[in-house]
Amino acid sequence: MTRSKPKDRNDPEEGPSPTVGPSRPRLFHLLGPGLITGASDDDPSGIATYSQAGAQFAYGLSWAMLISYPLMVAVQMISARIGRTTGHGIAGVLRLHYPQWLLTIIVVLLLTANIINLGADLGAMADAMTLLLPAPHALYVLLFAAICVSMQLFLEYTRYVSVLKWLTAALLAYFGVLVIVHVDWLKLLTHTLWPHIQWNGAYFTTLVAIFGTTISPYLFFWQASEEVEDLRVYPRRTDLVHAPGQGPAALRRIELDTFIGMGFSNLVALAIIVSTAATLHPHGVTNIQSSAQAAAALAPLAGKFASAIFALGIIGTGLLAVPVLAGSAAYAIGEARRWPTGLGRRPKEAQAFYATLIIATIIGMIINFAPVNPIKALVWSAVINGVVAVPVMAVMMLLAARCDIMGPFAVRGTLKVFGWLATGLMALVVVAMLVPSFA
């Protein structure tokens, strides 16, 4: 049994509906898991990573956003197809078709990376809030943790998804900052189209962090699980294995949703890199350890207004990303353990699932009170995601290509090529990061 659904709920896969009027544009109605996943990709950890890239290397890593776009689109599209085709999230498919030991390793890696990332994001949100309204850091950590958990516990699923969609608007703040600062557009274009690679550990560590925060394991699990969740929200939908006739409309919707969501994500990331490259790097500010530190550093260089906009963006995207991080962990563990899962269920109907979600958030919150300050490790949480992503992506690519799992919707052709290119590139930059450290 799931939470009640509106009787006139319109399925975007079924074409335009007369009830979707000017107050709710057709495109906004059509976008869903892809848009939310893409926006949550620019979490406070990602903001810190992009800020460090711009501050330390100026426009030197802007090319990474151009390269990563088609790769992240391919990986996220494959993730969505797994959920929509099989009716199971990634962990659920692994449980049904792969050894238990492999499922356990993948879920443990995901949970570890998510909790570290979640704790760092909560701390970054608290730091950003103190820039706008000074108060004890611990108070804001508790407040934001409570808000994120409450949204998942008390909002009806369809309303919760709508809130997440509107929170993506917080990322528009970074385009506002870009308008305020002075950018050397010629230099940006040169570095974007013609990479100037620096063969050193710091450069490749930052590159791993960039790829790790744009192609993160929690994004794979979240988008796949949200496709499964939508099967409950829209009663006419059936997994494609049992209803192949729904395939063309479903795949078109997934493609549009993912292309737009990932495009928005990458443009925001590029805006952050360019903003910090244009302001912090020329003034010798090259060591950014948190997104809030980047916001504070902007104040004397680009003005308090730019700093405030940057800080508001951190808070907004954190409110989006923290529930996604906790939710993807809960989906993975719940599917692995065969629990009733889903934000569309009432808490009493999926107690273990919601308990996992809450516990993950609480542990992330507690990390902020540990001797090791997670805010100083924001970029390293992205690096961890990059390292963890390699085995997860390899396994995901193998299962997505299996006809006995995906039926006629097994991944092949161009999509398969780009998926393996993304996996290979991620592995390559991880190796390049590690080799100098042993030199």
Protein backbone atom coordinates (compact mmCIF):
# COMPACT_ATOMS: atom_id res chain seq x y z
CA MET A 1 0.00 0.00 0.00
CA THR A 2 1.31 3.46 -0.90
CA ARG A 3 0.37 6.98 -0.01
CA SER A 4 -2.75 8.24 -1.72
CA LYS A 5 -2.25 9.65 -5.21
CA PRO A 6 -4.23 12.48 -6.79
CA LYS A 7 -7.00 11.10 -8.98
CA ASP A 8 -6.09 13.39 -11.88
CA ARG A 9 -2.39 12.59 -11.74
CA ASN A 10 -1.12 13.01 -15.31
CA ASP A 11 1.61 10.76 -16.65
CA PRO A 12 4.15 12.76 -18.70
CA GLU A 13 4.81 9.65 -20.79
CA GLU A 14 1.22 9.75 -22.09
CA GLY A 15 1.50 13.13 -23.83
CA PRO A 16 0.05 16.56 -23.07
CA SER A 17 -2.87 16.81 -20.70
CA PRO A 18 -5.47 19.59 -20.53
CA THR A 19 -4.92 19.88 -16.79
CA VAL A 20 -1.30 20.95 -17.28
CA GLY A 21 -1.83 24.67 -17.82
CA PRO A 22 0.25 27.83 -17.81
CA SER A 23 0.87 27.58 -14.06
CA ARG A 24 2.58 24.26 -14.61
CA PRO A 25 4.34 24.18 -17.98
CA ARG A 26 4.44 20.94 -19.92
CA LEU A 27 8.24 20.78 -19.79
CA PHE A 28 8.30 21.20 -16.00
CA HIS A 29 5.73 18.42 -15.72
CA LEU A 30 7.79 16.18 -18.01
CA LEU A 31 11.05 16.63 -16.11
CA GLY A 32 11.52 14.52 -13.00
CA PRO A 33 14.24 12.10 -11.87
CA GLY A 34 16.76 13.46 -14.38
CA LEU A 35 16.32 17.11 -13.37
CA ILE A 36 16.41 16.36 -9.65
CA THR A 37 19.39 14.05 -10.01
CA GLY A 38 21.29 16.61 -12.10
CA ALA A 39 20.61 19.44 -9.67
CA SER A 40 21.54 17.37 -6.62
CA ASP A 41 24.82 16.67 -8.39
CA ASP A 42 25.78 20.30 -7.64
CA ASP A 43 25.66 19.73 -3.88
CA PRO A 44 27.86 21.69 -1.42
CA SER A 45 30.60 19.09 -1.93
CA GLY A 46 30.43 19.69 -5.66
CA ILE A 47 30.41 23.45 -5.17
CA ALA A 48 33.56 23.15 -3.06
CA THR A 49 35.20 21.00 -5.72
CA TYR A 50 34.37 23.38 -8.55
CA SER A 51 35.43 26.37 -6.44
CA GLN A 52 38.79 24.73 -5.69
CA ALA A 53 39.26 23.92 -9.38
CA GLY A 54 38.66 27.53 -10.38
CA ALA A 55 40.69 29.02 -7.54
CA GLN A 56 43.71 26.77 -8.00
CA PHE A 57 43.82 26.24 -11.76
CA ALA A 58 41.81 29.23 -13.05
CA TYR A 59 40.14 28.21 -16.32
CA GLY A 60 42.50 25.23 -16.69
CA LEU A 61 39.90 22.58 -15.81
CA SER A 62 36.89 24.06 -17.61
CA TRP A 63 37.38 21.46 -20.36
CA ALA A 64 36.39 18.74 -17.89
CA MET A 65 32.80 19.97 -17.86
CA LEU A 66 32.60 19.75 -21.66
CA ILE A 67 34.00 16.20 -21.66
CA SER A 68 31.93 15.01 -18.70
CA TYR A 69 28.55 16.07 -20.11
CA PRO A 70 27.97 13.30 -22.68
CA LEU A 71 29.51 10.76 -20.30
CA MET A 72 27.30 11.64 -17.34
CA VAL A 73 24.24 11.74 -19.63
CA ALA A 74 25.03 8.21 -20.79
CA VAL A 75 25.59 6.84 -17.29
CA GLN A 76 22.47 8.45 -15.84
CA MET A 77 20.37 7.39 -18.82
CA ILE A 78 21.53 3.81 -18.30
CA SER A 79 20.67 4.05 -14.60
CA ALA A 80 17.18 5.30 -15.41
CA ARG A 81 16.67 2.59 -18.01
CA ILE A 82 17.58 -0.11 -15.49
CA GLY A 83 14.87 1.11 -13.11
CA ARG A 84 12.20 1.74 -15.75
CA THR A 85 12.88 -1.55 -17.56
CA THR A 86 13.18 -3.98 -14.65
CA GLY A 87 10.98 -2.34 -12.05
CA HIS A 88 13.86 -2.64 -9.57
CA GLY A 89 16.57 -0.27 -8.41
CA ILE A 90 20.22 -1.10 -9.05
CA ALA A 91 20.64 -2.91 -5.72
CA GLY A 92 17.46 -4.87 -6.37
CA VAL A 93 18.75 -6.04 -9.76
CA LEU A 94 22.10 -7.00 -8.22
CA ARG A 95 20.30 -9.00 -5.52
CA LEU A 96 18.32 -10.95 -8.13
CA HIS A 97 21.11 -11.67 -10.62
CA TYR A 98 24.52 -11.39 -8.91
CA PRO A 99 26.34 -12.97 -5.94
CA GLN A 100 25.56 -11.70 -2.45
CA TRP A 101 29.18 -10.74 -1.81
CA LEU A 102 29.20 -8.37 -4.79
CA LEU A 103 25.94 -6.75 -3.69
CA THR A 104 27.31 -6.29 -0.17
CA ILE A 105 30.53 -4.65 -1.39
CA ILE A 106 28.66 -2.25 -3.69
CA VAL A 107 26.13 -1.25 -1.01
CA VAL A 108 28.82 -0.76 1.67
CA LEU A 109 30.90 1.41 -0.68
CA LEU A 110 27.83 3.48 -1.54
CA LEU A 111 26.77 3.87 2.10
CA THR A 112 30.27 4.94 3.20
CA ALA A 113 30.63 7.52 0.43
CA ASN A 114 27.09 8.84 0.99
CA ILE A 115 27.43 9.34 4.74
CA ILE A 116 30.74 11.18 4.38
CA ASN A 117 29.25 13.33 1.63
CA LEU A 118 26.06 13.91 3.61
CA GLY A 119 27.95 15.04 6.72
CA ALA A 120 30.12 17.38 4.68
CA ASP A 121 27.06 18.89 2.97
CA LEU A 122 25.25 19.53 6.26
CA GLY A 123 28.34 21.26 7.63
CA ALA A 124 28.72 23.36 4.50
CA MET A 125 25.08 24.46 4.67
CA ALA A 126 25.56 25.46 8.30
CA ASP A 127 28.69 27.44 7.46
CA ALA A 128 26.92 29.20 4.60
CA MET A 129 24.03 30.12 6.88
CA THR A 130 26.37 31.62 9.46
CA LEU A 131 27.70 33.94 6.76
CA LEU A 132 24.18 35.27 6.23
CA LEU A 133 22.85 35.09 9.77
CA PRO A 134 25.51 34.49 12.46
CA ALA A 135 24.56 31.81 14.99
CA PRO A 136 26.15 28.68 16.46
CA HIS A 137 27.27 26.26 13.75
CA ALA A 138 25.84 23.26 15.62
CA LEU A 139 22.39 24.83 15.71
CA TYR A 140 22.26 25.13 11.93
CA VAL A 141 23.56 21.57 11.44
CA LEU A 142 20.71 20.27 13.61
CA LEU A 143 18.18 22.53 11.89
CA PHE A 144 19.07 21.49 8.35
CA ALA A 145 19.20 17.80 9.28
CA ALA A 146 15.74 18.09 10.80
CA ILE A 147 14.33 19.91 7.76
CA CYS A 148 15.71 17.32 5.32
CA VAL A 149 14.35 14.37 7.30
CA SER A 150 10.98 16.07 7.85
CA MET A 151 10.48 16.64 4.12
CA GLN A 152 10.88 12.93 3.46
CA LEU A 153 8.77 11.82 6.41
CA PHE A 154 5.80 14.14 6.20
CA LEU A 155 5.40 15.29 2.58
CA GLU A 156 3.32 13.22 0.20
CA TYR A 157 5.64 11.81 -2.45
CA THR A 158 4.23 13.81 -5.36
CA ARG A 159 4.42 17.02 -3.33
CA TYR A 160 7.93 16.13 -2.17
CA VAL A 161 9.08 15.68 -5.77
CA SER A 162 7.55 19.05 -6.63
CA VAL A 163 9.48 20.68 -3.75
CA LEU A 164 12.72 19.10 -4.99
CA LYS A 165 12.06 20.41 -8.50
CA TRP A 166 11.58 23.95 -7.22
CA LEU A 167 14.73 23.69 -5.09
CA THR A 168 16.69 23.25 -8.33
CA ALA A 169 16.00 26.96 -8.90
CA ALA A 170 18.53 27.69 -6.13
CA LEU A 171 21.26 26.84 -8.60
CA LEU A 172 20.32 29.83 -10.73
CA ALA A 173 22.16 31.86 -8.10
CA TYR A 174 25.47 30.87 -9.68
CA PHE A 175 24.50 32.32 -13.02
CA GLY A 176 23.78 35.53 -11.10
CA VAL A 177 27.31 35.50 -9.65
CA LEU A 178 28.71 34.92 -13.13
CA VAL A 179 27.00 38.08 -14.37
CA ILE A 180 28.56 40.16 -11.59
CA VAL A 181 32.21 39.09 -11.96
CA HIS A 182 34.58 39.98 -14.80
CA VAL A 183 35.37 36.95 -16.97
CA ASP A 184 38.11 36.60 -19.58
CA TRP A 185 35.85 34.87 -22.12
CA LEU A 186 38.62 34.31 -24.68
CA LYS A 187 40.84 32.54 -22.16
CA LEU A 188 37.87 30.49 -20.96
CA LEU A 189 37.03 29.40 -24.50
CA THR A 190 40.66 28.51 -25.21
CA HIS A 191 41.02 26.32 -22.10
CA THR A 192 37.62 24.70 -22.65
CA LEU A 193 38.29 23.66 -26.24
CA TRP A 194 42.05 23.08 -25.95
CA PRO A 195 43.01 21.47 -22.59
CA HIS A 196 46.33 22.39 -20.99
CA ILE A 197 46.91 19.32 -18.80
CA GLN A 198 49.31 19.58 -15.87
CA TRP A 199 51.00 16.28 -15.10
CA ASN A 200 51.06 16.44 -11.31
CA GLY A 201 49.19 14.89 -8.39
CA ALA A 202 47.29 18.04 -7.39
CA TYR A 203 45.88 18.49 -10.88
CA PHE A 204 44.69 14.89 -11.18
CA THR A 205 43.33 14.82 -7.63
CA THR A 206 41.15 17.80 -8.51
CA LEU A 207 40.21 16.15 -11.81
CA VAL A 208 39.14 12.98 -9.96
CA ALA A 209 37.12 15.15 -7.59
CA ILE A 210 35.39 16.86 -10.54
CA PHE A 211 34.51 13.58 -12.21
CA GLY A 212 33.63 12.09 -8.82
CA THR A 213 31.13 14.81 -8.06
CA THR A 214 29.62 14.89 -11.57
CA ILE A 215 29.46 11.10 -11.97
CA SER A 216 28.68 9.94 -8.41
CA PRO A 217 27.38 6.51 -7.35
CA TYR A 218 24.51 7.94 -5.32
CA LEU A 219 23.16 9.58 -8.48
CA PHE A 220 22.97 6.20 -10.25
CA PHE A 221 21.03 4.58 -7.42
CA TRP A 222 18.74 7.57 -6.92
CA GLN A 223 17.66 7.97 -10.54
CA ALA A 224 17.06 4.25 -11.00
CA SER A 225 15.04 4.06 -7.78
CA GLU A 226 12.97 7.13 -8.68
CA GLU A 227 12.02 5.50 -11.97
CA VAL A 228 10.76 2.55 -9.92
CA GLU A 229 8.97 4.93 -7.55
CA ASP A 230 7.20 6.54 -10.48
CA LEU A 231 5.81 3.14 -11.49
CA ARG A 232 3.72 3.39 -8.31
CA VAL A 233 2.84 7.04 -8.79
CA TYR A 234 1.55 6.51 -12.34
CA PRO A 235 -0.65 3.37 -12.22
CA ARG A 236 -0.71 2.88 -15.99
CA ARG A 237 3.05 2.38 -16.09
CA THR A 238 4.45 -1.16 -16.02
CA ASP A 239 8.09 -2.16 -16.12
CA LEU A 240 9.21 -2.45 -19.73
CA VAL A 241 10.14 -6.11 -19.44
CA HIS A 242 6.43 -6.88 -19.03
CA ALA A 243 5.11 -3.96 -21.11
CA PRO A 244 7.55 -3.40 -24.00
CA GLY A 245 4.92 -1.36 -25.82
CA GLN A 246 5.51 1.46 -23.34
CA GLY A 247 9.20 1.51 -24.29
CA PRO A 248 9.36 4.20 -27.00
CA ALA A 249 7.50 6.83 -24.93
CA ALA A 250 9.40 5.91 -21.76
CA LEU A 251 12.82 6.09 -23.40
CA ARG A 252 12.01 9.44 -25.07
CA ARG A 253 10.95 10.88 -21.73
CA ILE A 254 14.09 9.53 -20.01
CA GLU A 255 16.33 10.97 -22.74
CA LEU A 256 14.81 14.45 -22.56
CA ASP A 257 14.75 14.46 -18.75
CA THR A 258 18.37 13.33 -18.50
CA PHE A 259 19.78 15.56 -21.24
CA ILE A 260 18.19 18.65 -19.69
CA GLY A 261 18.95 17.69 -16.08
CA MET A 262 22.62 16.92 -16.72
CA GLY A 263 22.99 19.94 -18.98
CA PHE A 264 21.67 22.22 -16.26
CA SER A 265 24.01 20.56 -13.76
CA ASN A 266 27.09 21.04 -15.92
CA LEU A 267 26.31 24.65 -16.78
CA VAL A 268 26.01 25.44 -13.07
CA ALA A 269 29.30 23.66 -12.38
CA LEU A 270 31.00 25.62 -15.16
CA ALA A 271 29.56 28.88 -13.79
CA ILE A 272 31.10 28.12 -10.37
CA ILE A 273 34.51 27.27 -11.87
CA VAL A 274 34.48 30.41 -14.00
CA SER A 275 33.32 32.68 -11.15
CA THR A 276 36.08 31.55 -8.80
CA ALA A 277 38.66 31.50 -11.61
CA ALA A 278 37.82 35.12 -12.41
CA THR A 279 37.88 36.36 -8.81
CA LEU A 280 39.85 34.14 -6.43
CA HIS A 281 42.71 32.90 -8.63
CA PRO A 282 43.95 36.33 -9.80
CA HIS A 283 44.17 37.46 -6.15
CA GLY A 284 46.18 34.45 -5.00
CA VAL A 285 43.31 32.68 -3.21
CA THR A 286 44.08 29.16 -4.38
CA ASN A 287 43.21 26.91 -1.44
CA ILE A 288 39.45 26.51 -1.01
CA GLN A 289 38.48 23.79 1.46
CA SER A 290 34.73 24.34 1.55
CA SER A 291 31.96 25.94 -0.46
CA ALA A 292 31.25 28.37 2.36
CA GLN A 293 34.89 29.45 2.34
CA ALA A 294 34.52 30.21 -1.36
CA ALA A 295 31.46 32.35 -0.62
CA ALA A 296 33.32 34.24 2.11
CA ALA A 297 36.36 34.77 -0.13
CA LEU A 298 34.17 36.32 -2.81
CA ALA A 299 33.00 39.15 -0.55
CA PRO A 300 36.10 41.41 -0.68
CA LEU A 301 36.75 40.58 -4.35
CA ALA A 302 33.33 40.54 -6.00
CA GLY A 303 31.20 42.27 -3.37
CA LYS A 304 28.95 41.17 -0.51
CA PHE A 305 26.01 40.69 -2.87
CA ALA A 306 27.89 38.07 -4.91
CA SER A 307 29.00 36.38 -1.69
CA ALA A 308 25.44 36.28 -0.37
CA ILE A 309 24.09 34.82 -3.62
CA PHE A 310 26.81 32.17 -3.56
CA ALA A 311 25.93 31.27 0.06
CA LEU A 312 22.19 31.06 -0.69
CA GLY A 313 22.94 28.67 -3.52
CA ILE A 314 24.85 26.41 -1.11
CA ILE A 315 21.89 26.25 1.26
CA GLY A 316 19.34 25.64 -1.50
CA THR A 317 21.26 22.88 -3.22
CA GLY A 318 22.09 21.31 0.15
CA LEU A 319 18.39 21.04 0.96
CA LEU A 320 18.05 19.18 -2.33
CA ALA A 321 21.16 16.99 -2.11
CA VAL A 322 21.04 15.78 1.52
CA PRO A 323 17.68 14.00 1.10
CA VAL A 324 18.92 12.48 -2.17
CA LEU A 325 22.08 11.18 -0.48
CA ALA A 326 20.16 9.69 2.44
CA GLY A 327 17.40 8.43 0.15
CA SER A 328 19.72 6.66 -2.29
CA ALA A 329 21.43 4.88 0.64
CA ALA A 330 18.05 3.81 2.05
CA TYR A 331 16.89 2.56 -1.35
CA ALA A 332 20.08 0.53 -1.83
CA ILE A 333 20.01 -1.09 1.60
CA GLY A 334 16.25 -1.66 1.47
CA GLU A 335 16.41 -3.34 -1.93
CA ALA A 336 19.37 -5.45 -0.85
CA ARG A 337 17.51 -6.59 2.28
CA ARG A 338 14.15 -7.06 0.50
CA TRP A 339 12.45 -4.46 2.67
CA PRO A 340 9.40 -2.49 1.55
CA THR A 341 10.99 0.65 0.15
CA GLY A 342 9.87 3.94 -1.30
CA LEU A 343 9.11 7.52 -0.35
CA GLY A 344 5.65 6.90 -1.76
CA ARG A 345 4.95 4.60 1.20
CA ARG A 346 3.90 5.82 4.61
CA PRO A 347 6.62 5.52 7.29
CA LYS A 348 4.67 2.80 9.12
CA GLU A 349 4.53 0.77 5.88
CA ALA A 350 8.31 0.93 5.31
CA GLN A 351 9.73 1.33 8.79
CA ALA A 352 13.19 -0.11 8.08
CA PHE A 353 13.55 2.01 4.94
CA TYR A 354 12.72 5.24 6.75
CA ALA A 355 14.84 4.22 9.74
CA THR A 356 17.83 3.81 7.43
CA LEU A 357 17.17 7.22 5.91
CA ILE A 358 17.01 8.86 9.34
CA ILE A 359 20.04 6.99 10.72
CA ALA A 360 22.17 7.93 7.70
CA THR A 361 21.26 11.59 8.19
CA ILE A 362 21.96 11.42 11.94
CA ILE A 363 25.38 9.82 11.40
CA GLY A 364 26.21 12.49 8.84
CA MET A 365 25.12 15.12 11.34
CA ILE A 366 27.24 13.57 14.12
CA ILE A 367 30.33 13.65 11.89
CA ASN A 368 30.16 17.43 12.18
CA PHE A 369 30.79 17.14 15.92
CA ALA A 370 33.71 14.72 15.58
CA PRO A 371 37.35 15.85 15.97
CA VAL A 372 37.85 15.62 12.20
CA ASN A 373 35.99 18.52 10.63
CA PRO A 374 34.19 17.19 7.54
CA ILE A 375 33.91 20.65 6.04
CA LYS A 376 37.65 20.64 5.39
CA ALA A 377 37.19 17.33 3.60
CA LEU A 378 34.47 18.39 1.16
CA VAL A 379 36.66 17.97 -1.90
CA TRP A 380 37.92 14.64 -0.58
CA SER A 381 34.34 13.38 -0.34
CA ALA A 382 34.15 14.02 -4.09
CA VAL A 383 37.43 12.15 -4.57
CA ILE A 384 36.02 9.19 -2.62
CA ASN A 385 32.94 9.25 -4.85
CA GLY A 386 35.20 9.18 -7.89
CA VAL A 387 37.11 6.14 -6.64
CA VAL A 388 33.96 4.28 -5.57
CA ALA A 389 32.24 5.06 -8.89
CA VAL A 390 34.65 2.90 -10.92
CA PRO A 391 33.58 -0.56 -9.68
CA VAL A 392 29.93 0.52 -9.42
CA MET A 393 29.89 1.76 -13.01
CA ALA A 394 31.60 -1.39 -14.30
CA VAL A 395 29.02 -3.65 -12.65
CA MET A 396 26.16 -1.42 -13.80
CA MET A 397 27.38 -1.50 -17.42
CA LEU A 398 27.61 -5.30 -17.36
CA LEU A 399 24.09 -5.80 -16.01
CA ALA A 400 22.56 -3.16 -18.33
CA ALA A 401 23.88 -5.07 -21.37
CA ARG A 402 22.37 -8.41 -20.32
CA CYS A 403 19.35 -9.41 -22.39
CA ASP A 404 18.17 -11.84 -19.70
CA ILE A 405 17.78 -8.83 -17.36
CA MET A 406 16.86 -5.98 -19.71
CA GLY A 407 15.12 -7.91 -22.46
CA PRO A 408 14.92 -5.98 -25.75
CA PHE A 409 15.95 -2.82 -23.86
CA ALA A 410 19.46 -4.06 -23.10
CA VAL A 411 21.92 -1.20 -23.55
CA ARG A 412 23.80 -1.34 -26.82
CA GLY A 413 25.18 0.90 -29.57
CA THR A 414 26.20 4.50 -28.88
CA LEU A 415 24.81 4.54 -25.36
CA LYS A 416 26.85 1.47 -24.44
CA VAL A 417 30.01 2.98 -25.96
CA PHE A 418 29.64 6.22 -23.99
CA GLY A 419 28.85 4.30 -20.80
CA TRP A 420 32.08 2.33 -21.08
CA LEU A 421 34.00 5.47 -22.08
CA ALA A 422 32.79 7.10 -18.86
CA THR A 423 33.86 4.05 -16.84
CA GLY A 424 37.26 3.89 -18.52
CA LEU A 425 37.91 7.61 -18.14
CA MET A 426 37.01 7.52 -14.47
CA ALA A 427 39.37 4.59 -13.91
CA LEU A 428 42.13 6.34 -15.86
CA VAL A 429 42.03 9.58 -13.86
CA VAL A 430 41.95 7.63 -10.58
CA VAL A 431 45.09 5.76 -11.62
CA ALA A 432 46.71 9.03 -12.76
CA MET A 433 45.94 10.52 -9.34
CA LEU A 434 47.45 7.57 -7.46
CA VAL A 435 50.59 7.05 -9.54
CA PRO A 436 52.32 10.38 -8.58
CA SER A 437 51.76 9.61 -4.91
CA PHE A 438 53.88 6.48 -5.29
CA ALA A 439 56.50 8.11 -7.47
